[in-house]
């Protein structure tokens, strides 16, 4: 039996100019099955097959598709940036610009950073809790005293404490 020349390009080699072919080629070079990649990235093998076949109607849109492509590329050792670029060329699916109105502004970030610093310092929080607990204890004692549950004569240690 004659051994095939592995240096020659196979007739059915994937087209590496497309995102599906690029990822399939990387997967085959690493001798990985779709099921193995599916186990690694937790997307169903049928979705990965749809990516390789560029069956975009069988796949979700938007950031989910970009996530599938990126994780697929990382799992098979391909460059995720190149894969996402090829996806954008094939489908027009690109990440929104960084100045999206739904993202936090730098002003909010600075406020949140100051709040986090204040909370993490613990300087004001501890004393606030102590004062809150003392206020609750005083309120409970006042309520008990006004309801006749005890009077000053019943509590000798209070008399001794204040008479010293």
C-alpha atoms as a PDB file:
ATOM      1  CA  UNK A   1       0.000   0.000   0.000  1.00  0.00           C
ATOM      2  CA  UNK A   2       1.395   3.337  -1.026  1.00  0.00           C
ATOM      3  CA  UNK A   3       1.544   6.150   1.562  1.00  0.00           C
ATOM      4  CA  UNK A   4      -0.075   9.411   0.452  1.00  0.00           C
ATOM      5  CA  UNK A   5       2.101  12.492   0.132  1.00  0.00           C
ATOM      6  CA  UNK A   6       1.063  14.572   3.128  1.00  0.00           C
ATOM      7  CA  UNK A   7       2.954  17.597   1.837  1.00  0.00           C
ATOM      8  CA  UNK A   8       0.493  18.024  -1.047  1.00  0.00           C
ATOM      9  CA  UNK A   9      -2.640  20.009  -0.398  1.00  0.00           C
ATOM     10  CA  UNK A  10      -5.709  17.830  -0.089  1.00  0.00           C
ATOM     11  CA  UNK A  11      -8.396  18.320  -2.697  1.00  0.00           C
ATOM     12  CA  UNK A  12     -11.029  18.783  -0.003  1.00  0.00           C
ATOM     13  CA  UNK A  13      -8.994  21.074   2.247  1.00  0.00           C
ATOM     14  CA  UNK A  14     -11.049  23.838   3.857  1.00  0.00           C
ATOM     15  CA  UNK A  15     -10.922  27.332   2.367  1.00  0.00           C
ATOM     16  CA  UNK A  16      -8.868  29.232   4.954  1.00  0.00           C
ATOM     17  CA  UNK A  17     -10.057  32.564   3.529  1.00  0.00           C
ATOM     18  CA  UNK A  18     -13.429  32.044   5.194  1.00  0.00           C
ATOM     19  CA  UNK A  19     -14.014  32.007   8.924  1.00  0.00           C
ATOM     20  CA  UNK A  20     -15.476  28.489   8.786  1.00  0.00           C
ATOM     21  CA  UNK A  21     -12.596  27.146   6.734  1.00  0.00           C
ATOM     22  CA  UNK A  22     -10.048  28.945   8.909  1.00  0.00           C
ATOM     23  CA  UNK A  23     -11.419  27.370  12.090  1.00  0.00           C
ATOM     24  CA  UNK A  24     -11.932  23.939  10.504  1.00  0.00           C
ATOM     25  CA  UNK A  25      -8.365  23.943   9.192  1.00  0.00           C
ATOM     26  CA  UNK A  26      -7.008  24.843  12.647  1.00  0.00           C
ATOM     27  CA  UNK A  27      -9.153  22.119  14.227  1.00  0.00           C
ATOM     28  CA  UNK A  28      -7.977  19.469  11.738  1.00  0.00           C
ATOM     29  CA  UNK A  29      -4.335  20.463  12.176  1.00  0.00           C
ATOM     30  CA  UNK A  30      -4.687  19.686  15.884  1.00  0.00           C
ATOM     31  CA  UNK A  31      -6.563  16.437  15.170  1.00  0.00           C
ATOM     32  CA  UNK A  32      -9.612  17.525  17.128  1.00  0.00           C
ATOM     33  CA  UNK A  33     -13.155  16.320  16.567  1.00  0.00           C
ATOM     34  CA  UNK A  34     -16.081  18.720  16.777  1.00  0.00           C
ATOM     35  CA  UNK A  35     -17.299  16.875  19.866  1.00  0.00           C
ATOM     36  CA  UNK A  36     -13.968  17.516  21.611  1.00  0.00           C
ATOM     37  CA  UNK A  37     -14.097  21.219  20.817  1.00  0.00           C
ATOM     38  CA  UNK A  38     -17.730  21.276  21.917  1.00  0.00           C
ATOM     39  CA  UNK A  39     -16.762  19.802  25.275  1.00  0.00           C
ATOM     40  CA  UNK A  40     -14.032  22.406  25.668  1.00  0.00           C
ATOM     41  CA  UNK A  41     -16.099  25.497  24.901  1.00  0.00           C
ATOM     42  CA  UNK A  42     -19.588  24.288  25.924  1.00  0.00           C
ATOM     43  CA  UNK A  43     -21.297  25.084  22.618  1.00  0.00           C
ATOM     44  CA  UNK A  44     -23.125  22.281  20.836  1.00  0.00           C
ATOM     45  CA  UNK A  45     -21.257  20.452  18.072  1.00  0.00           C
ATOM     46  CA  UNK A  46     -24.089  21.263  15.630  1.00  0.00           C
ATOM     47  CA  UNK A  47     -23.408  24.974  16.192  1.00  0.00           C
ATOM     48  CA  UNK A  48     -19.707  24.433  15.547  1.00  0.00           C
ATOM     49  CA  UNK A  49     -20.524  22.474  12.394  1.00  0.00           C
ATOM     50  CA  UNK A  50     -22.753  25.359  11.272  1.00  0.00           C
ATOM     51  CA  UNK A  51     -19.816  27.741  11.807  1.00  0.00           C
ATOM     52  CA  UNK A  52     -17.512  25.549   9.718  1.00  0.00           C
ATOM     53  CA  UNK A  53     -20.167  25.304   7.002  1.00  0.00           C
ATOM     54  CA  UNK A  54     -20.962  29.006   7.364  1.00  0.00           C
ATOM     55  CA  UNK A  55     -24.636  28.260   7.854  1.00  0.00           C
ATOM     56  CA  UNK A  56     -25.373  31.585   9.535  1.00  0.00           C
ATOM     57  CA  UNK A  57     -29.132  31.016   9.652  1.00  0.00           C
ATOM     58  CA  UNK A  58     -28.581  28.128  12.090  1.00  0.00           C
ATOM     59  CA  UNK A  59     -26.600  30.328  14.483  1.00  0.00           C
ATOM     60  CA  UNK A  60     -27.477  33.133  16.884  1.00  0.00           C
ATOM     61  CA  UNK A  61     -26.655  36.711  15.955  1.00  0.00           C
ATOM     62  CA  UNK A  62     -24.690  39.480  17.618  1.00  0.00           C
ATOM     63  CA  UNK A  63     -22.323  39.035  20.508  1.00  0.00           C
ATOM     64  CA  UNK A  64     -23.294  35.373  20.974  1.00  0.00           C
ATOM     65  CA  UNK A  65     -22.000  34.517  17.504  1.00  0.00           C
ATOM     66  CA  UNK A  66     -18.817  36.499  18.163  1.00  0.00           C
ATOM     67  CA  UNK A  67     -18.423  34.594  21.429  1.00  0.00           C
ATOM     68  CA  UNK A  68     -18.793  31.235  19.667  1.00  0.00           C
ATOM     69  CA  UNK A  69     -16.210  32.229  17.039  1.00  0.00           C
ATOM     70  CA  UNK A  70     -13.752  33.556  19.613  1.00  0.00           C
ATOM     71  CA  UNK A  71     -13.998  30.507  21.896  1.00  0.00           C
ATOM     72  CA  UNK A  72     -13.826  28.153  18.912  1.00  0.00           C
ATOM     73  CA  UNK A  73     -10.660  29.890  17.682  1.00  0.00           C
ATOM     74  CA  UNK A  74      -8.981  29.777  21.089  1.00  0.00           C
ATOM     75  CA  UNK A  75      -9.886  26.098  21.550  1.00  0.00           C
ATOM     76  CA  UNK A  76      -8.360  25.061  18.221  1.00  0.00           C
ATOM     77  CA  UNK A  77      -5.291  27.273  18.578  1.00  0.00           C
ATOM     78  CA  UNK A  78      -6.278  29.798  15.916  1.00  0.00           C
ATOM     79  CA  UNK A  79      -5.942  33.555  16.285  1.00  0.00           C
ATOM     80  CA  UNK A  80      -9.324  34.808  17.583  1.00  0.00           C
ATOM     81  CA  UNK A  81      -8.756  38.298  16.146  1.00  0.00           C
ATOM     82  CA  UNK A  82      -8.290  36.888  12.651  1.00  0.00           C
ATOM     83  CA  UNK A  83     -11.366  34.679  13.076  1.00  0.00           C
ATOM     84  CA  UNK A  84     -13.481  37.642  14.220  1.00  0.00           C
ATOM     85  CA  UNK A  85     -12.194  39.717  11.298  1.00  0.00           C
ATOM     86  CA  UNK A  86     -13.178  36.957   8.873  1.00  0.00           C
ATOM     87  CA  UNK A  87     -16.596  36.771  10.577  1.00  0.00           C
ATOM     88  CA  UNK A  88     -17.051  40.516  10.109  1.00  0.00           C
ATOM     89  CA  UNK A  89     -16.160  40.187   6.427  1.00  0.00           C
ATOM     90  CA  UNK A  90     -18.590  37.311   5.947  1.00  0.00           C
ATOM     91  CA  UNK A  91     -21.558  38.569   7.958  1.00  0.00           C
ATOM     92  CA  UNK A  92     -20.942  42.175   8.952  1.00  0.00           C
ATOM     93  CA  UNK A  93     -21.102  41.075  12.594  1.00  0.00           C
ATOM     94  CA  UNK A  94     -18.750  43.444  14.403  1.00  0.00           C
ATOM     95  CA  UNK A  95     -18.463  44.501  18.022  1.00  0.00           C
ATOM     96  CA  UNK A  96     -20.085  47.853  18.791  1.00  0.00           C
ATOM     97  CA  UNK A  97     -17.735  50.808  19.239  1.00  0.00           C
ATOM     98  CA  UNK A  98     -16.293  51.397  22.693  1.00  0.00           C
ATOM     99  CA  UNK A  99     -18.138  54.718  23.071  1.00  0.00           C
ATOM    100  CA  UNK A 100     -21.509  52.971  23.187  1.00  0.00           C
ATOM    101  CA  UNK A 101     -24.151  54.985  25.069  1.00  0.00           C
ATOM    102  CA  UNK A 102     -25.032  51.949  27.194  1.00  0.00           C
ATOM    103  CA  UNK A 103     -21.563  51.703  28.700  1.00  0.00           C
ATOM    104  CA  UNK A 104     -20.654  53.446  31.954  1.00  0.00           C
ATOM    105  CA  UNK A 105     -19.214  56.898  31.584  1.00  0.00           C
ATOM    106  CA  UNK A 106     -15.852  57.744  33.076  1.00  0.00           C
ATOM    107  CA  UNK A 107     -17.663  60.026  35.545  1.00  0.00           C
ATOM    108  CA  UNK A 108     -19.667  57.115  36.963  1.00  0.00           C
ATOM    109  CA  UNK A 109     -16.521  55.040  37.157  1.00  0.00           C
ATOM    110  CA  UNK A 110     -14.758  57.693  39.235  1.00  0.00           C
ATOM    111  CA  UNK A 111     -17.730  57.929  41.597  1.00  0.00           C
ATOM    112  CA  UNK A 112     -17.824  54.169  41.954  1.00  0.00           C
ATOM    113  CA  UNK A 113     -14.055  54.029  42.577  1.00  0.00           C
ATOM    114  CA  UNK A 114     -14.360  56.623  45.364  1.00  0.00           C
ATOM    115  CA  UNK A 115     -17.268  54.720  46.879  1.00  0.00           C
ATOM    116  CA  UNK A 116     -15.291  51.465  46.745  1.00  0.00           C
ATOM    117  CA  UNK A 117     -12.289  53.141  48.382  1.00  0.00           C
ATOM    118  CA  UNK A 118     -14.489  54.498  51.168  1.00  0.00           C
ATOM    119  CA  UNK A 119     -16.186  51.155  51.737  1.00  0.00           C
ATOM    120  CA  UNK A 120     -12.941  49.181  51.631  1.00  0.00           C
ATOM    121  CA  UNK A 121     -11.193  51.565  54.030  1.00  0.00           C
ATOM    122  CA  UNK A 122     -13.714  50.596  56.719  1.00  0.00           C
ATOM    123  CA  UNK A 123     -13.152  53.872  58.581  1.00  0.00           C
ATOM    124  CA  UNK A 124     -16.748  55.050  58.660  1.00  0.00           C
ATOM    125  CA  UNK A 125     -18.555  51.759  58.367  1.00  0.00           C
ATOM    126  CA  UNK A 126     -17.415  50.213  61.653  1.00  0.00           C
ATOM    127  CA  UNK A 127     -18.385  53.197  63.791  1.00  0.00           C
ATOM    128  CA  UNK A 128     -21.705  53.471  62.019  1.00  0.00           C
ATOM    129  CA  UNK A 129     -22.544  49.876  62.934  1.00  0.00           C
ATOM    130  CA  UNK A 130     -21.488  50.396  66.560  1.00  0.00           C
ATOM    131  CA  UNK A 131     -23.681  53.502  66.858  1.00  0.00           C
ATOM    132  CA  UNK A 132     -26.601  51.707  65.220  1.00  0.00           C
ATOM    133  CA  UNK A 133     -26.361  48.783  67.657  1.00  0.00           C
ATOM    134  CA  UNK A 134     -26.117  51.136  70.652  1.00  0.00           C
ATOM    135  CA  UNK A 135     -29.160  53.084  69.452  1.00  0.00           C
ATOM    136  CA  UNK A 136     -31.146  49.848  69.157  1.00  0.00           C
ATOM    137  CA  UNK A 137     -30.099  48.765  72.669  1.00  0.00           C
ATOM    138  CA  UNK A 138     -31.105  52.144  74.134  1.00  0.00           C
ATOM    139  CA  UNK A 139     -34.466  51.984  72.334  1.00  0.00           C
ATOM    140  CA  UNK A 140     -35.138  48.469  73.647  1.00  0.00           C
ATOM    141  CA  UNK A 141     -34.172  49.497  77.194  1.00  0.00           C
ATOM    142  CA  UNK A 142     -36.405  52.587  77.024  1.00  0.00           C
ATOM    143  CA  UNK A 143     -39.338  50.524  75.745  1.00  0.00           C
ATOM    144  CA  UNK A 144     -38.859  47.936  78.486  1.00  0.00           C
ATOM    145  CA  UNK A 145     -38.622  50.669  81.146  1.00  0.00           C
ATOM    146  CA  UNK A 146     -41.771  52.489  79.948  1.00  0.00           C
ATOM    147  CA  UNK A 147     -43.723  49.221  79.872  1.00  0.00           C
ATOM    148  CA  UNK A 148     -42.852  48.540  83.486  1.00  0.00           C
ATOM    149  CA  UNK A 149     -40.708  45.524  82.769  1.00  0.00           C
ATOM    150  CA  UNK A 150     -38.087  46.918  85.149  1.00  0.00           C
ATOM    151  CA  UNK A 151     -37.331  50.069  87.083  1.00  0.00           C
ATOM    152  CA  UNK A 152     -34.159  51.713  88.251  1.00  0.00           C
ATOM    153  CA  UNK A 153     -34.389  50.078  91.703  1.00  0.00           C
ATOM    154  CA  UNK A 154     -34.340  46.630  90.076  1.00  0.00           C
ATOM    155  CA  UNK A 155     -31.065  47.218  88.388  1.00  0.00           C
ATOM    156  CA  UNK A 156     -28.495  47.743  91.153  1.00  0.00           C
ATOM    157  CA  UNK A 157     -25.488  47.770  88.864  1.00  0.00           C
ATOM    158  CA  UNK A 158     -26.841  50.852  87.065  1.00  0.00           C
ATOM    159  CA  UNK A 159     -27.185  52.694  90.378  1.00  0.00           C
ATOM    160  CA  UNK A 160     -23.674  51.727  91.389  1.00  0.00           C
ATOM    161  CA  UNK A 161     -22.283  52.657  88.018  1.00  0.00           C
ATOM    162  CA  UNK A 162     -23.750  56.176  88.021  1.00  0.00           C
ATOM    163  CA  UNK A 163     -23.136  56.820  91.761  1.00  0.00           C
ATOM    164  CA  UNK A 164     -19.392  56.312  91.651  1.00  0.00           C
END
